[in-house]
Amino acid sequence: MTSEQVHRVSIFGQSYLLRTEENPEYVRNVAHYVDGKFYEVAERESSLPANKVAILSALNIADELFKLREEKERTEELVSNKIEELLELIAKKVGE
């Protein structure tokens, strides 16, 4: 049995009902973020119709996601390399 709830959010002046198991605050935060991205695009490109604002907003959000994933991978690689260096140093000290 799921604990799905329905949440009403507003994005770019349109109301949406979202069915999700996420907590209400999380849903509001996500919707607020997306709404903000729509208005950022609309501010820069005031003559665009809503569907094009939506597409450009989605591309901007996807760009952020991809960059964050790349940054996470670089960070994980750096941490992994440091762990290997530390393990090598410990192995040398134990072997002395």
N, C-alpha and C. Protein backbone atom coordinates (compact mmCIF):
# COMPACT_ATOMS: atom_id res chain seq x y z
N MET A 1 0.84 -1.18 0.00
CA MET A 1 0.00 0.00 0.00
C MET A 1 0.88 1.25 0.00
N THR A 2 0.63 2.16 -0.89
CA THR A 2 1.43 3.38 -0.96
C THR A 2 0.76 4.49 -0.18
N SER A 3 1.55 5.47 0.13
CA SER A 3 1.02 6.62 0.86
C SER A 3 1.01 7.84 -0.05
N GLU A 4 0.54 7.64 -1.28
CA GLU A 4 0.50 8.74 -2.23
C GLU A 4 -0.45 9.82 -1.75
N GLN A 5 -0.05 11.04 -2.02
CA GLN A 5 -0.88 12.20 -1.72
C GLN A 5 -0.97 13.04 -2.98
N VAL A 6 -2.00 13.85 -3.05
CA VAL A 6 -2.16 14.76 -4.17
C VAL A 6 -1.82 16.16 -3.68
N HIS A 7 -0.96 16.84 -4.41
CA HIS A 7 -0.54 18.18 -4.05
C HIS A 7 -0.85 19.11 -5.22
N ARG A 8 -1.38 20.27 -4.91
CA ARG A 8 -1.63 21.28 -5.94
C ARG A 8 -0.47 22.26 -5.92
N VAL A 9 0.11 22.47 -7.10
CA VAL A 9 1.21 23.43 -7.24
C VAL A 9 0.89 24.36 -8.40
N SER A 10 1.57 25.49 -8.40
CA SER A 10 1.40 26.46 -9.48
C SER A 10 2.75 26.70 -10.14
N ILE A 11 2.77 26.53 -11.44
CA ILE A 11 3.98 26.76 -12.21
C ILE A 11 3.63 27.63 -13.41
N PHE A 12 4.24 28.78 -13.46
CA PHE A 12 4.06 29.73 -14.56
C PHE A 12 2.59 30.07 -14.77
N GLY A 13 1.92 30.27 -13.64
CA GLY A 13 0.52 30.69 -13.66
C GLY A 13 -0.48 29.58 -13.91
N GLN A 14 -0.01 28.35 -14.02
CA GLN A 14 -0.89 27.21 -14.24
C GLN A 14 -0.90 26.33 -13.00
N SER A 15 -2.07 25.82 -12.66
CA SER A 15 -2.21 24.95 -11.50
C SER A 15 -2.11 23.49 -11.94
N TYR A 16 -1.37 22.71 -11.16
CA TYR A 16 -1.19 21.29 -11.45
C TYR A 16 -1.43 20.48 -10.20
N LEU A 17 -2.05 19.31 -10.37
CA LEU A 17 -2.19 18.36 -9.28
C LEU A 17 -1.14 17.28 -9.47
N LEU A 18 -0.33 17.08 -8.46
CA LEU A 18 0.73 16.07 -8.51
C LEU A 18 0.43 14.96 -7.53
N ARG A 19 0.46 13.75 -7.99
CA ARG A 19 0.26 12.59 -7.11
C ARG A 19 1.64 12.01 -6.82
N THR A 20 2.03 12.01 -5.57
CA THR A 20 3.38 11.58 -5.20
C THR A 20 3.42 11.09 -3.77
N GLU A 21 4.46 10.35 -3.45
CA GLU A 21 4.71 9.91 -2.09
C GLU A 21 5.62 10.87 -1.34
N GLU A 22 6.15 11.85 -2.05
CA GLU A 22 7.05 12.83 -1.42
C GLU A 22 6.29 13.71 -0.44
N ASN A 23 7.04 14.26 0.53
CA ASN A 23 6.38 15.12 1.52
C ASN A 23 6.01 16.46 0.88
N PRO A 24 4.98 17.10 1.42
CA PRO A 24 4.47 18.34 0.82
C PRO A 24 5.52 19.44 0.67
N GLU A 25 6.39 19.59 1.64
CA GLU A 25 7.41 20.65 1.56
C GLU A 25 8.35 20.41 0.39
N TYR A 26 8.74 19.16 0.20
CA TYR A 26 9.62 18.82 -0.92
C TYR A 26 8.94 19.14 -2.25
N VAL A 27 7.67 18.75 -2.39
CA VAL A 27 6.92 19.00 -3.61
C VAL A 27 6.81 20.50 -3.87
N ARG A 28 6.53 21.27 -2.83
CA ARG A 28 6.44 22.73 -2.98
C ARG A 28 7.78 23.31 -3.41
N ASN A 29 8.87 22.83 -2.81
CA ASN A 29 10.20 23.34 -3.16
C ASN A 29 10.56 23.05 -4.61
N VAL A 30 10.26 21.84 -5.07
CA VAL A 30 10.55 21.48 -6.46
C VAL A 30 9.72 22.33 -7.41
N ALA A 31 8.43 22.46 -7.11
CA ALA A 31 7.56 23.26 -7.97
C ALA A 31 8.00 24.72 -7.98
N HIS A 32 8.39 25.23 -6.83
CA HIS A 32 8.85 26.62 -6.74
C HIS A 32 10.13 26.81 -7.57
N TYR A 33 11.01 25.84 -7.54
CA TYR A 33 12.24 25.90 -8.31
C TYR A 33 11.94 25.93 -9.81
N VAL A 34 11.07 25.02 -10.25
CA VAL A 34 10.70 24.96 -11.67
C VAL A 34 10.01 26.26 -12.08
N ASP A 35 9.11 26.75 -11.24
CA ASP A 35 8.41 28.01 -11.51
C ASP A 35 9.42 29.14 -11.69
N GLY A 36 10.41 29.19 -10.82
CA GLY A 36 11.45 30.22 -10.93
C GLY A 36 12.22 30.12 -12.23
N LYS A 37 12.52 28.91 -12.65
CA LYS A 37 13.24 28.72 -13.92
C LYS A 37 12.40 29.19 -15.10
N PHE A 38 11.09 28.93 -15.06
CA PHE A 38 10.21 29.41 -16.12
C PHE A 38 10.26 30.93 -16.19
N TYR A 39 10.15 31.58 -15.04
CA TYR A 39 10.14 33.04 -15.04
C TYR A 39 11.49 33.63 -15.44
N GLU A 40 12.59 32.95 -15.12
CA GLU A 40 13.91 33.41 -15.57
C GLU A 40 13.96 33.44 -17.10
N VAL A 41 13.50 32.37 -17.73
CA VAL A 41 13.51 32.30 -19.20
C VAL A 41 12.56 33.35 -19.77
N ALA A 42 11.37 33.45 -19.20
CA ALA A 42 10.36 34.39 -19.71
C ALA A 42 10.85 35.83 -19.60
N GLU A 43 11.63 36.12 -18.55
CA GLU A 43 12.18 37.47 -18.39
C GLU A 43 13.17 37.80 -19.50
N ARG A 44 14.01 36.84 -19.83
CA ARG A 44 15.02 37.05 -20.87
C ARG A 44 14.41 37.06 -22.26
N GLU A 45 13.39 36.25 -22.46
CA GLU A 45 12.77 36.08 -23.78
C GLU A 45 11.28 36.34 -23.66
N SER A 46 10.91 37.59 -23.46
CA SER A 46 9.52 37.94 -23.13
C SER A 46 8.51 37.65 -24.23
N SER A 47 8.95 37.46 -25.45
CA SER A 47 8.00 37.24 -26.54
C SER A 47 7.72 35.75 -26.81
N LEU A 48 8.36 34.86 -26.06
CA LEU A 48 8.19 33.43 -26.32
C LEU A 48 6.85 32.93 -25.80
N PRO A 49 6.23 32.01 -26.52
CA PRO A 49 5.02 31.37 -26.01
C PRO A 49 5.37 30.40 -24.88
N ALA A 50 4.40 30.05 -24.07
CA ALA A 50 4.62 29.23 -22.87
C ALA A 50 5.28 27.90 -23.18
N ASN A 51 4.91 27.26 -24.30
CA ASN A 51 5.51 25.96 -24.59
C ASN A 51 7.01 26.07 -24.86
N LYS A 52 7.45 27.16 -25.47
CA LYS A 52 8.88 27.35 -25.71
C LYS A 52 9.60 27.74 -24.42
N VAL A 53 8.92 28.49 -23.56
CA VAL A 53 9.48 28.80 -22.23
C VAL A 53 9.69 27.49 -21.48
N ALA A 54 8.73 26.59 -21.58
CA ALA A 54 8.83 25.29 -20.90
C ALA A 54 10.02 24.49 -21.42
N ILE A 55 10.20 24.46 -22.73
CA ILE A 55 11.30 23.69 -23.31
C ILE A 55 12.65 24.28 -22.91
N LEU A 56 12.79 25.60 -22.99
CA LEU A 56 14.06 26.23 -22.60
C LEU A 56 14.32 26.06 -21.10
N SER A 57 13.27 26.13 -20.29
CA SER A 57 13.43 25.91 -18.86
C SER A 57 13.90 24.49 -18.58
N ALA A 58 13.29 23.52 -19.27
CA ALA A 58 13.68 22.13 -19.10
C ALA A 58 15.14 21.92 -19.51
N LEU A 59 15.55 22.56 -20.60
CA LEU A 59 16.95 22.45 -21.03
C LEU A 59 17.89 23.06 -20.00
N ASN A 60 17.51 24.20 -19.42
CA ASN A 60 18.34 24.83 -18.40
C ASN A 60 18.47 23.94 -17.16
N ILE A 61 17.36 23.34 -16.75
CA ILE A 61 17.39 22.46 -15.58
C ILE A 61 18.22 21.21 -15.89
N ALA A 62 18.06 20.64 -17.09
CA ALA A 62 18.85 19.47 -17.47
C ALA A 62 20.34 19.81 -17.51
N ASP A 63 20.67 21.00 -18.00
CA ASP A 63 22.07 21.46 -18.03
C ASP A 63 22.63 21.50 -16.61
N GLU A 64 21.87 22.06 -15.68
CA GLU A 64 22.32 22.09 -14.29
C GLU A 64 22.54 20.68 -13.75
N LEU A 65 21.61 19.79 -14.04
CA LEU A 65 21.71 18.41 -13.57
C LEU A 65 22.97 17.73 -14.11
N PHE A 66 23.20 17.87 -15.41
CA PHE A 66 24.38 17.25 -16.02
C PHE A 66 25.67 17.80 -15.43
N LYS A 67 25.72 19.11 -15.22
CA LYS A 67 26.93 19.71 -14.63
C LYS A 67 27.14 19.23 -13.20
N LEU A 68 26.07 19.12 -12.44
CA LEU A 68 26.20 18.62 -11.06
C LEU A 68 26.64 17.16 -11.04
N ARG A 69 26.14 16.37 -11.97
CA ARG A 69 26.57 14.97 -12.05
C ARG A 69 28.06 14.88 -12.37
N GLU A 70 28.51 15.70 -13.33
CA GLU A 70 29.94 15.71 -13.68
C GLU A 70 30.78 16.12 -12.48
N GLU A 71 30.34 17.14 -11.77
CA GLU A 71 31.06 17.60 -10.59
C GLU A 71 31.11 16.51 -9.52
N LYS A 72 30.01 15.82 -9.34
CA LYS A 72 29.95 14.73 -8.36
C LYS A 72 30.92 13.62 -8.74
N GLU A 73 30.95 13.26 -10.02
CA GLU A 73 31.87 12.22 -10.48
C GLU A 73 33.33 12.64 -10.27
N ARG A 74 33.66 13.90 -10.58
CA ARG A 74 35.02 14.39 -10.36
C ARG A 74 35.38 14.33 -8.87
N THR A 75 34.45 14.75 -8.03
CA THR A 75 34.69 14.74 -6.59
C THR A 75 34.88 13.32 -6.08
N GLU A 76 34.03 12.40 -6.55
CA GLU A 76 34.16 11.00 -6.14
C GLU A 76 35.50 10.42 -6.57
N GLU A 77 35.95 10.79 -7.77
CA GLU A 77 37.25 10.31 -8.25
C GLU A 77 38.39 10.87 -7.41
N LEU A 78 38.31 12.17 -7.07
CA LEU A 78 39.34 12.76 -6.21
C LEU A 78 39.39 12.09 -4.85
N VAL A 79 38.22 11.86 -4.27
CA VAL A 79 38.16 11.21 -2.95
C VAL A 79 38.72 9.80 -3.04
N SER A 80 38.36 9.07 -4.09
CA SER A 80 38.86 7.71 -4.27
C SER A 80 40.39 7.70 -4.40
N ASN A 81 40.92 8.64 -5.18
CA ASN A 81 42.38 8.73 -5.34
C ASN A 81 43.05 9.04 -4.01
N LYS A 82 42.48 9.94 -3.24
CA LYS A 82 43.06 10.29 -1.93
C LYS A 82 43.02 9.09 -0.99
N ILE A 83 41.93 8.35 -1.02
CA ILE A 83 41.83 7.15 -0.17
C ILE A 83 42.92 6.15 -0.55
N GLU A 84 43.12 5.95 -1.86
CA GLU A 84 44.17 5.04 -2.31
C GLU A 84 45.54 5.51 -1.83
N GLU A 85 45.81 6.82 -1.94
CA GLU A 85 47.09 7.36 -1.47
C GLU A 85 47.27 7.12 0.02
N LEU A 86 46.22 7.37 0.78
CA LEU A 86 46.30 7.17 2.23
C LEU A 86 46.51 5.71 2.58
N LEU A 87 45.81 4.81 1.87
CA LEU A 87 46.00 3.38 2.13
C LEU A 87 47.42 2.94 1.80
N GLU A 88 48.01 3.49 0.75
CA GLU A 88 49.39 3.18 0.40
C GLU A 88 50.35 3.67 1.48
N LEU A 89 50.10 4.89 1.97
CA LEU A 89 50.93 5.42 3.05
C LEU A 89 50.81 4.57 4.31
N ILE A 90 49.63 4.14 4.64
CA ILE A 90 49.42 3.30 5.82
C ILE A 90 50.12 1.95 5.63
N ALA A 91 50.00 1.38 4.43
CA ALA A 91 50.65 0.10 4.16
C ALA A 91 52.16 0.21 4.30
N LYS A 92 52.73 1.32 3.84
CA LYS A 92 54.17 1.53 3.96
C LYS A 92 54.57 1.66 5.43
N LYS A 93 53.79 2.40 6.20
CA LYS A 93 54.11 2.58 7.63
C LYS A 93 53.99 1.27 8.39
N VAL A 94 52.99 0.48 8.07
CA VAL A 94 52.81 -0.81 8.75
C VAL A 94 53.94 -1.76 8.37
N GLY A 95 54.41 -1.68 7.14
CA GLY A 95 55.49 -2.55 6.67
C GLY A 95 56.85 -2.18 7.20
N GLU A 96 56.97 -1.00 7.80
CA GLU A 96 58.30 -0.58 8.30
C GLU A 96 58.67 -1.27 9.57
